[in-house]
C-alpha atoms as a PDB file:
ATOM      1  CA  MET A   1       0.000   0.000   0.000  1.00  0.00           C
ATOM      2  CA  THR A   2       1.151   3.523  -0.791  1.00  0.00           C
ATOM      3  CA  ASN A   3       0.221   6.918   0.651  1.00  0.00           C
ATOM      4  CA  ILE A   4      -1.541   7.956  -2.555  1.00  0.00           C
ATOM      5  CA  LEU A   5      -4.706   8.963  -0.678  1.00  0.00           C
ATOM      6  CA  ALA A   6      -2.749  11.378   1.533  1.00  0.00           C
ATOM      7  CA  ILE A   7      -1.868  13.554  -1.459  1.00  0.00           C
ATOM      8  CA  GLN A   8      -3.855  16.793  -1.685  1.00  0.00           C
ATOM      9  CA  PRO A   9      -4.130  18.925  -4.846  1.00  0.00           C
ATOM     10  CA  ARG A  10      -1.983  22.048  -4.557  1.00  0.00           C
ATOM     11  CA  TYR A  11      -2.123  25.107  -6.799  1.00  0.00           C
ATOM     12  CA  GLN A  12       1.236  26.359  -8.082  1.00  0.00           C
ATOM     13  CA  PRO A  13       1.814  28.693 -11.070  1.00  0.00           C
ATOM     14  CA  LEU A  14       4.910  27.836 -13.118  1.00  0.00           C
ATOM     15  CA  ARG A  15       7.083  29.789 -15.547  1.00  0.00           C
ATOM     16  CA  VAL A  16       9.527  27.946 -17.793  1.00  0.00           C
ATOM     17  CA  ALA A  17      12.099  29.203 -20.284  1.00  0.00           C
ATOM     18  CA  LEU A  18      12.410  27.156 -23.445  1.00  0.00           C
ATOM     19  CA  ASN A  19      16.199  27.596 -23.532  1.00  0.00           C
ATOM     20  CA  ASP A  20      16.676  26.137 -20.053  1.00  0.00           C
ATOM     21  CA  ASP A  21      16.172  22.677 -18.562  1.00  0.00           C
ATOM     22  CA  TRP A  22      12.828  22.350 -16.752  1.00  0.00           C
ATOM     23  CA  THR A  23      13.653  21.235 -13.206  1.00  0.00           C
ATOM     24  CA  ASP A  24      10.736  22.271 -10.994  1.00  0.00           C
ATOM     25  CA  SER A  25      10.165  20.134  -7.897  1.00  0.00           C
ATOM     26  CA  PHE A  26       6.826  19.320  -6.256  1.00  0.00           C
ATOM     27  CA  PRO A  27       7.056  18.661  -2.509  1.00  0.00           C
ATOM     28  CA  LEU A  28       4.270  16.526  -1.088  1.00  0.00           C
ATOM     29  CA  TYR A  29       3.211  17.383   2.443  1.00  0.00           C
ATOM     30  CA  GLN A  30       0.345  17.423   4.881  1.00  0.00           C
ATOM     31  CA  ALA A  31      -0.304  18.928   8.305  1.00  0.00           C
ATOM     32  CA  GLY A  32       1.823  17.462  11.094  1.00  0.00           C
ATOM     33  CA  THR A  33       2.193  18.377  14.739  1.00  0.00           C
ATOM     34  CA  ALA A  34       1.119  21.879  15.780  1.00  0.00           C
ATOM     35  CA  GLY A  35       2.931  24.479  17.834  1.00  0.00           C
ATOM     36  CA  VAL A  36       1.286  27.112  20.025  1.00  0.00           C
ATOM     37  CA  VAL A  37       2.359  30.748  20.315  1.00  0.00           C
ATOM     38  CA  VAL A  38       1.059  32.836  23.228  1.00  0.00           C
ATOM     39  CA  GLY A  39      -0.057  36.365  22.405  1.00  0.00           C
ATOM     40  CA  SER A  40       2.479  38.897  23.698  1.00  0.00           C
ATOM     41  CA  GLY A  41      -0.293  41.148  25.035  1.00  0.00           C
ATOM     42  CA  ASN A  42      -2.219  38.487  26.928  1.00  0.00           C
ATOM     43  CA  THR A  43      -3.417  39.318  30.416  1.00  0.00           C
ATOM     44  CA  GLY A  44      -4.466  35.822  31.448  1.00  0.00           C
ATOM     45  CA  ASN A  45      -1.816  33.163  31.967  1.00  0.00           C
ATOM     46  CA  GLY A  46      -3.882  30.250  30.697  1.00  0.00           C
ATOM     47  CA  SER A  47      -2.743  27.895  27.974  1.00  0.00           C
ATOM     48  CA  VAL A  48      -3.785  26.094  24.806  1.00  0.00           C
ATOM     49  CA  SER A  49      -3.084  22.399  24.258  1.00  0.00           C
ATOM     50  CA  VAL A  50      -3.542  20.595  20.942  1.00  0.00           C
ATOM     51  CA  GLN A  51      -4.889  17.062  21.194  1.00  0.00           C
ATOM     52  CA  SER A  52      -4.847  16.143  17.512  1.00  0.00           C
ATOM     53  CA  VAL A  53      -4.215  17.477  13.995  1.00  0.00           C
ATOM     54  CA  GLU A  54      -5.958  16.038  10.939  1.00  0.00           C
ATOM     55  CA  PRO A  55      -3.592  15.641   7.957  1.00  0.00           C
ATOM     56  CA  ARG A  56      -5.791  17.916   5.811  1.00  0.00           C
ATOM     57  CA  THR A  57      -5.761  20.776   8.327  1.00  0.00           C
ATOM     58  CA  PRO A  58      -4.834  24.031   6.535  1.00  0.00           C
ATOM     59  CA  LEU A  59      -1.247  25.072   7.145  1.00  0.00           C
ATOM     60  CA  GLY A  60      -0.633  28.503   8.622  1.00  0.00           C
ATOM     61  CA  GLY A  61      -1.692  30.265  11.801  1.00  0.00           C
ATOM     62  CA  HIS A  62      -5.043  29.385  13.376  1.00  0.00           C
ATOM     63  CA  ALA A  63      -6.116  32.193  15.735  1.00  0.00           C
ATOM     64  CA  VAL A  64      -7.606  31.241  19.125  1.00  0.00           C
ATOM     65  CA  VAL A  65      -9.142  34.339  20.702  1.00  0.00           C
ATOM     66  CA  VAL A  66     -10.982  35.012  23.955  1.00  0.00           C
ATOM     67  CA  THR A  67     -14.230  36.741  22.972  1.00  0.00           C
ATOM     68  CA  SER A  68     -16.120  36.879  26.276  1.00  0.00           C
ATOM     69  CA  THR A  69     -15.469  36.427  29.999  1.00  0.00           C
ATOM     70  CA  ASP A  70     -18.998  36.564  31.435  1.00  0.00           C
ATOM     71  CA  ASN A  71     -19.434  33.489  33.637  1.00  0.00           C
ATOM     72  CA  LEU A  72     -17.793  31.285  30.991  1.00  0.00           C
ATOM     73  CA  VAL A  73     -14.754  32.160  28.906  1.00  0.00           C
ATOM     74  CA  GLY A  74     -15.912  32.280  25.278  1.00  0.00           C
ATOM     75  CA  ILE A  75     -13.474  31.199  22.582  1.00  0.00           C
ATOM     76  CA  THR A  76     -13.470  31.768  18.808  1.00  0.00           C
ATOM     77  CA  VAL A  77     -11.108  29.941  16.462  1.00  0.00           C
ATOM     78  CA  THR A  78     -10.396  31.112  12.908  1.00  0.00           C
ATOM     79  CA  ASP A  79      -8.343  29.393  10.220  1.00  0.00           C
ATOM     80  CA  PRO A  80      -5.463  30.953   8.246  1.00  0.00           C
ATOM     81  CA  ASN A  81      -7.978  32.465   5.785  1.00  0.00           C
ATOM     82  CA  GLY A  82      -9.984  34.142   8.546  1.00  0.00           C
ATOM     83  CA  ALA A  83     -12.946  31.751   8.454  1.00  0.00           C
ATOM     84  CA  VAL A  84     -14.473  30.854  11.827  1.00  0.00           C
ATOM     85  CA  THR A  85     -13.969  27.138  12.494  1.00  0.00           C
ATOM     86  CA  ALA A  86     -15.110  26.851  16.115  1.00  0.00           C
ATOM     87  CA  LEU A  87     -17.087  28.654  18.794  1.00  0.00           C
ATOM     88  CA  GLY A  88     -16.978  27.344  22.337  1.00  0.00           C
ATOM     89  CA  TYR A  89     -15.713  27.778  25.858  1.00  0.00           C
ATOM     90  CA  ALA A  90     -12.470  27.354  27.754  1.00  0.00           C
ATOM     91  CA  GLY A  91     -12.093  24.088  29.606  1.00  0.00           C
ATOM     92  CA  ALA A  92     -13.676  21.865  26.954  1.00  0.00           C
ATOM     93  CA  PRO A  93     -12.160  20.451  23.736  1.00  0.00           C
ATOM     94  CA  LEU A  94     -12.944  22.355  20.550  1.00  0.00           C
ATOM     95  CA  SER A  95     -12.967  20.812  17.075  1.00  0.00           C
ATOM     96  CA  ALA A  96     -11.729  23.533  14.746  1.00  0.00           C
ATOM     97  CA  GLY A  97     -11.043  22.913  11.073  1.00  0.00           C
ATOM     98  CA  GLY A  98      -8.988  19.767  11.594  1.00  0.00           C
ATOM     99  CA  LEU A  99      -7.590  20.729  14.995  1.00  0.00           C
ATOM    100  CA  VAL A 100      -8.814  19.479  18.353  1.00  0.00           C
ATOM    101  CA  LEU A 101      -7.644  21.856  21.066  1.00  0.00           C
ATOM    102  CA  THR A 102      -8.436  22.912  24.605  1.00  0.00           C
ATOM    103  CA  VAL A 103      -8.060  26.347  26.191  1.00  0.00           C
ATOM    104  CA  THR A 104      -7.314  26.040  29.901  1.00  0.00           C
ATOM    105  CA  PRO A 105      -7.640  29.092  32.208  1.00  0.00           C
ATOM    106  CA  GLY A 106      -4.730  29.855  34.520  1.00  0.00           C
ATOM    107  CA  SER A 107      -4.396  31.554  37.901  1.00  0.00           C
ATOM    108  CA  THR A 108      -4.727  34.992  36.250  1.00  0.00           C
ATOM    109  CA  PRO A 109      -8.103  35.337  34.470  1.00  0.00           C
ATOM    110  CA  PHE A 110      -8.309  35.853  30.740  1.00  0.00           C
ATOM    111  CA  ARG A 111      -9.471  39.141  29.292  1.00  0.00           C
ATOM    112  CA  VAL A 112     -11.326  39.674  26.033  1.00  0.00           C
ATOM    113  CA  GLY A 113      -8.777  39.831  23.238  1.00  0.00           C
ATOM    114  CA  ASP A 114      -6.264  37.436  24.774  1.00  0.00           C
ATOM    115  CA  ALA A 115      -5.102  35.269  21.920  1.00  0.00           C
ATOM    116  CA  PHE A 116      -2.988  32.326  20.827  1.00  0.00           C
ATOM    117  CA  ALA A 117      -1.749  31.132  17.452  1.00  0.00           C
ATOM    118  CA  VAL A 118      -1.816  27.418  16.659  1.00  0.00           C
ATOM    119  CA  GLN A 119       0.303  26.501  13.651  1.00  0.00           C
ATOM    120  CA  PRO A 120       0.588  23.007  12.168  1.00  0.00           C
ATOM    121  CA  THR A 121       3.979  22.146  10.726  1.00  0.00           C
ATOM    122  CA  PRO A 122       4.322  20.571   7.254  1.00  0.00           C
ATOM    123  CA  ALA A 123       4.949  16.824   7.371  1.00  0.00           C
ATOM    124  CA  THR A 124       6.448  15.142   4.305  1.00  0.00           C
ATOM    125  CA  ILE A 125       4.370  12.408   2.673  1.00  0.00           C
ATOM    126  CA  ASN A 126       6.340   9.227   2.035  1.00  0.00           C
ATOM    127  CA  ASP A 127       5.766   8.597  -1.681  1.00  0.00           C
ATOM    128  CA  THR A 128       7.368   5.167  -1.966  1.00  0.00           C
ATOM    129  CA  GLY A 129       5.720   3.233  -4.777  1.00  0.00           C
ATOM    130  CA  ILE A 130       4.074   6.285  -6.363  1.00  0.00           C
ATOM    131  CA  SER A 131       4.698   7.216  -9.999  1.00  0.00           C
ATOM    132  CA  TYR A 132       3.966  10.508 -11.740  1.00  0.00           C
ATOM    133  CA  VAL A 133       2.770  11.988 -15.012  1.00  0.00           C
ATOM    134  CA  LEU A 134       2.801  15.703 -15.857  1.00  0.00           C
ATOM    135  CA  GLN A 135       0.388  16.804 -18.584  1.00  0.00           C
ATOM    136  CA  VAL A 136       0.280  20.170 -20.339  1.00  0.00           C
ATOM    137  CA  ARG A 137      -2.735  21.526 -22.232  1.00  0.00           C
ATOM    138  CA  ARG A 138      -3.677  24.844 -23.777  1.00  0.00           C
ATOM    139  CA  ALA A 139      -6.613  25.282 -21.381  1.00  0.00           C
ATOM    140  CA  ASP A 140      -8.665  23.397 -18.790  1.00  0.00           C
ATOM    141  CA  THR A 141     -11.429  22.857 -21.343  1.00  0.00           C
ATOM    142  CA  ILE A 142      -9.138  21.375 -24.004  1.00  0.00           C
ATOM    143  CA  GLN A 143      -8.341  17.685 -23.689  1.00  0.00           C
ATOM    144  CA  ARG A 144      -5.584  17.447 -26.311  1.00  0.00           C
ATOM    145  CA  LEU A 145      -2.166  17.149 -24.715  1.00  0.00           C
ATOM    146  CA  ILE A 146       0.560  19.578 -25.768  1.00  0.00           C
ATOM    147  CA  PHE A 147       3.269  17.898 -23.724  1.00  0.00           C
ATOM    148  CA  GLU A 148       3.600  14.961 -21.342  1.00  0.00           C
ATOM    149  CA  ALA A 149       6.380  13.922 -18.954  1.00  0.00           C
ATOM    150  CA  LEU A 150       6.462  10.523 -17.242  1.00  0.00           C
ATOM    151  CA  SER A 151       8.396   9.004 -14.387  1.00  0.00           C
ATOM    152  CA  ASP A 152       7.978   5.508 -15.835  1.00  0.00           C
ATOM    153  CA  PRO A 153       7.867   5.653 -19.638  1.00  0.00           C
ATOM    154  CA  THR A 154       6.983   2.403 -21.355  1.00  0.00           C
ATOM    155  CA  ASP A 155       8.943   3.043 -24.557  1.00  0.00           C
ATOM    156  CA  ASN A 156      12.442   2.762 -23.014  1.00  0.00           C
ATOM    157  CA  SER A 157      12.936   6.528 -23.248  1.00  0.00           C
ATOM    158  CA  ASP A 158      14.524   8.454 -20.392  1.00  0.00           C
ATOM    159  CA  PRO A 159      12.121   9.396 -17.571  1.00  0.00           C
ATOM    160  CA  LEU A 160      11.389  13.124 -17.494  1.00  0.00           C
ATOM    161  CA  ILE A 161      10.206  13.020 -13.877  1.00  0.00           C
ATOM    162  CA  VAL A 162      12.459  11.895 -11.029  1.00  0.00           C
ATOM    163  CA  LYS A 163      10.330  10.006  -8.523  1.00  0.00           C
ATOM    164  CA  GLY A 164      10.516  10.926  -4.852  1.00  0.00           C
ATOM    165  CA  ASN A 165      11.170   7.298  -3.834  1.00  0.00           C
ATOM    166  CA  GLY A 166      10.047   8.014  -0.291  1.00  0.00           C
ATOM    167  CA  THR A 167      11.341  11.584   0.021  1.00  0.00           C
ATOM    168  CA  GLY A 168       8.017  13.128  -0.982  1.00  0.00           C
ATOM    169  CA  ALA A 169       9.800  15.396  -3.452  1.00  0.00           C
ATOM    170  CA  PRO A 170       9.309  14.346  -7.079  1.00  0.00           C
ATOM    171  CA  GLY A 171      10.858  16.666  -9.609  1.00  0.00           C
ATOM    172  CA  LEU A 172      11.066  17.317 -13.317  1.00  0.00           C
ATOM    173  CA  MET A 173      14.194  16.689 -15.316  1.00  0.00           C
ATOM    174  CA  VAL A 174      13.155  17.849 -18.781  1.00  0.00           C
ATOM    175  CA  PRO A 175      16.092  18.830 -21.038  1.00  0.00           C
ATOM    176  CA  TYR A 176      15.543  22.039 -22.968  1.00  0.00           C
ATOM    177  CA  THR A 177      16.169  20.086 -26.164  1.00  0.00           C
ATOM    178  CA  THR A 178      13.004  18.092 -25.459  1.00  0.00           C
ATOM    179  CA  MET A 179      10.926  21.280 -25.458  1.00  0.00           C
ATOM    180  CA  GLY A 180      12.674  23.029 -28.338  1.00  0.00           C
ATOM    181  CA  SER A 181      12.517  22.809 -32.120  1.00  0.00           C
ATOM    182  CA  GLY A 182       8.988  24.189 -32.188  1.00  0.00           C
ATOM    183  CA  ARG A 183       7.497  21.420 -30.072  1.00  0.00           C
ATOM    184  CA  LEU A 184       6.430  23.961 -27.467  1.00  0.00           C
ATOM    185  CA  LEU A 185       5.731  27.570 -28.345  1.00  0.00           C
ATOM    186  CA  PRO A 186       5.878  30.552 -25.991  1.00  0.00           C
ATOM    187  CA  GLY A 187       2.506  31.222 -24.427  1.00  0.00           C
ATOM    188  CA  ASP A 188       0.094  30.359 -21.643  1.00  0.00           C
ATOM    189  CA  TYR A 189      -0.906  26.808 -20.802  1.00  0.00           C
ATOM    190  CA  VAL A 190      -2.251  24.769 -17.878  1.00  0.00           C
ATOM    191  CA  TYR A 191      -0.675  21.716 -16.284  1.00  0.00           C
ATOM    192  CA  GLU A 192      -1.459  18.868 -13.912  1.00  0.00           C
ATOM    193  CA  LEU A 193       0.963  16.653 -12.034  1.00  0.00           C
ATOM    194  CA  LEU A 194      -0.805  13.327 -11.538  1.00  0.00           C
ATOM    195  CA  ALA A 195       0.237  10.730  -8.969  1.00  0.00           C
ATOM    196  CA  PHE A 196      -0.471   7.017  -9.441  1.00  0.00           C
ATOM    197  CA  GLY A 197      -0.434   4.185  -6.909  1.00  0.00           C
ATOM    198  CA  ASP A 198      -2.567   1.255  -5.776  1.00  0.00           C
ATOM    199  CA  ASP A 199      -4.642   1.566  -8.981  1.00  0.00           C
ATOM    200  CA  ARG A 200      -5.632   5.088  -7.958  1.00  0.00           C
ATOM    201  CA  ARG A 201      -4.940   8.505  -9.444  1.00  0.00           C
ATOM    202  CA  LYS A 202      -4.641  11.798  -7.566  1.00  0.00           C
ATOM    203  CA  VAL A 203      -3.896  15.326  -8.736  1.00  0.00           C
ATOM    204  CA  ALA A 204      -0.816  16.449  -6.801  1.00  0.00           C
ATOM    205  CA  TYR A 205      -0.231  19.882  -8.363  1.00  0.00           C
ATOM    206  CA  TYR A 206      -2.000  22.027 -10.930  1.00  0.00           C
ATOM    207  CA  GLY A 207      -2.053  25.577 -12.211  1.00  0.00           C
ATOM    208  CA  PRO A 208      -1.165  27.962 -15.021  1.00  0.00           C
ATOM    209  CA  LEU A 209       2.052  27.398 -16.920  1.00  0.00           C
ATOM    210  CA  THR A 210       3.801  30.059 -18.964  1.00  0.00           C
ATOM    211  CA  PHE A 211       6.481  29.166 -21.489  1.00  0.00           C
ATOM    212  CA  VAL A 212       8.785  32.030 -22.407  1.00  0.00           C
ATOM    213  CA  GLU A 213      11.195  32.131 -25.332  1.00  0.00           C
ATOM    214  CA  ALA A 214      14.429  32.495 -23.385  1.00  0.00           C
ATOM    215  CA  VAL A 215      16.065  33.572 -20.175  1.00  0.00           C
ATOM    216  CA  VAL A 216      18.626  36.345 -20.611  1.00  0.00           C
ATOM    217  CA  TYR A 217      21.308  36.624 -17.967  1.00  0.00           C
ATOM    218  CA  LEU A 218      22.800  40.059 -17.483  1.00  0.00           C
ATOM    219  CA  LEU A 219      26.410  40.073 -16.291  1.00  0.00           C
END
C-alpha cells in the first residue's frame, strides 16, 4: 500500500524558459504536529493544548481568541484564511477545522482579546511506490495534450520526472532540447501533475504554466 490517498491537490503557477532545462520540484506534504504561540499582550496566563491534527488541516496560523469572559470564557477559532472554524468555551475540547484543542484558564483570568496562534507544521508524505505523469494543455477545457512527462515511460525513453522514492519530493528533469525545435511555443498553458499508486490517481499539483522564449542573464 502507498500513501496515494494522503496527497492533496496544490495550486502552483509555473514559468519555464524554453532555452533552459525544466527542473521544478513538487514537494508533497500534509499537516503534522502543531505548535502554540502565546499572544504577547495576553493578560491571562492560561494555555492552549492541541490534542490532535488532521492531515488535511490548513497550514498557517489558526487564531484562538478570547471573545467573552462573562461566567464562561468564550473562545473563537479562525483558520489561516480568517474563516471561523469553532465557537466554544475554555475548559472543553474544541474541534476547529482539523484541529482538536483545549483552552485552559490559569491563575490569572483571561481578558477579552487574549489570543494564541496554533500553527501546524508541514509533514512530508512518504511517496514510496508512487509514480507521476505531468500533462500540459492549452486550457482546462481542451483535452488534447501539448506535452507529457512521465516518471515511468513504457517506450524505453529516459524518464522526465524523477520520482521521490520516499522523500516526498518528485521533480522534473526535462532537457531544454526536449521542449525546443517548435514542439512547445511561448505562451500560456495549464498543467497537472498526476500521482499514481494502488490503482488510484490523484492530482498532486495544478495551475497555469507560462512558457517564455528564453532567459537572458545580465552580467
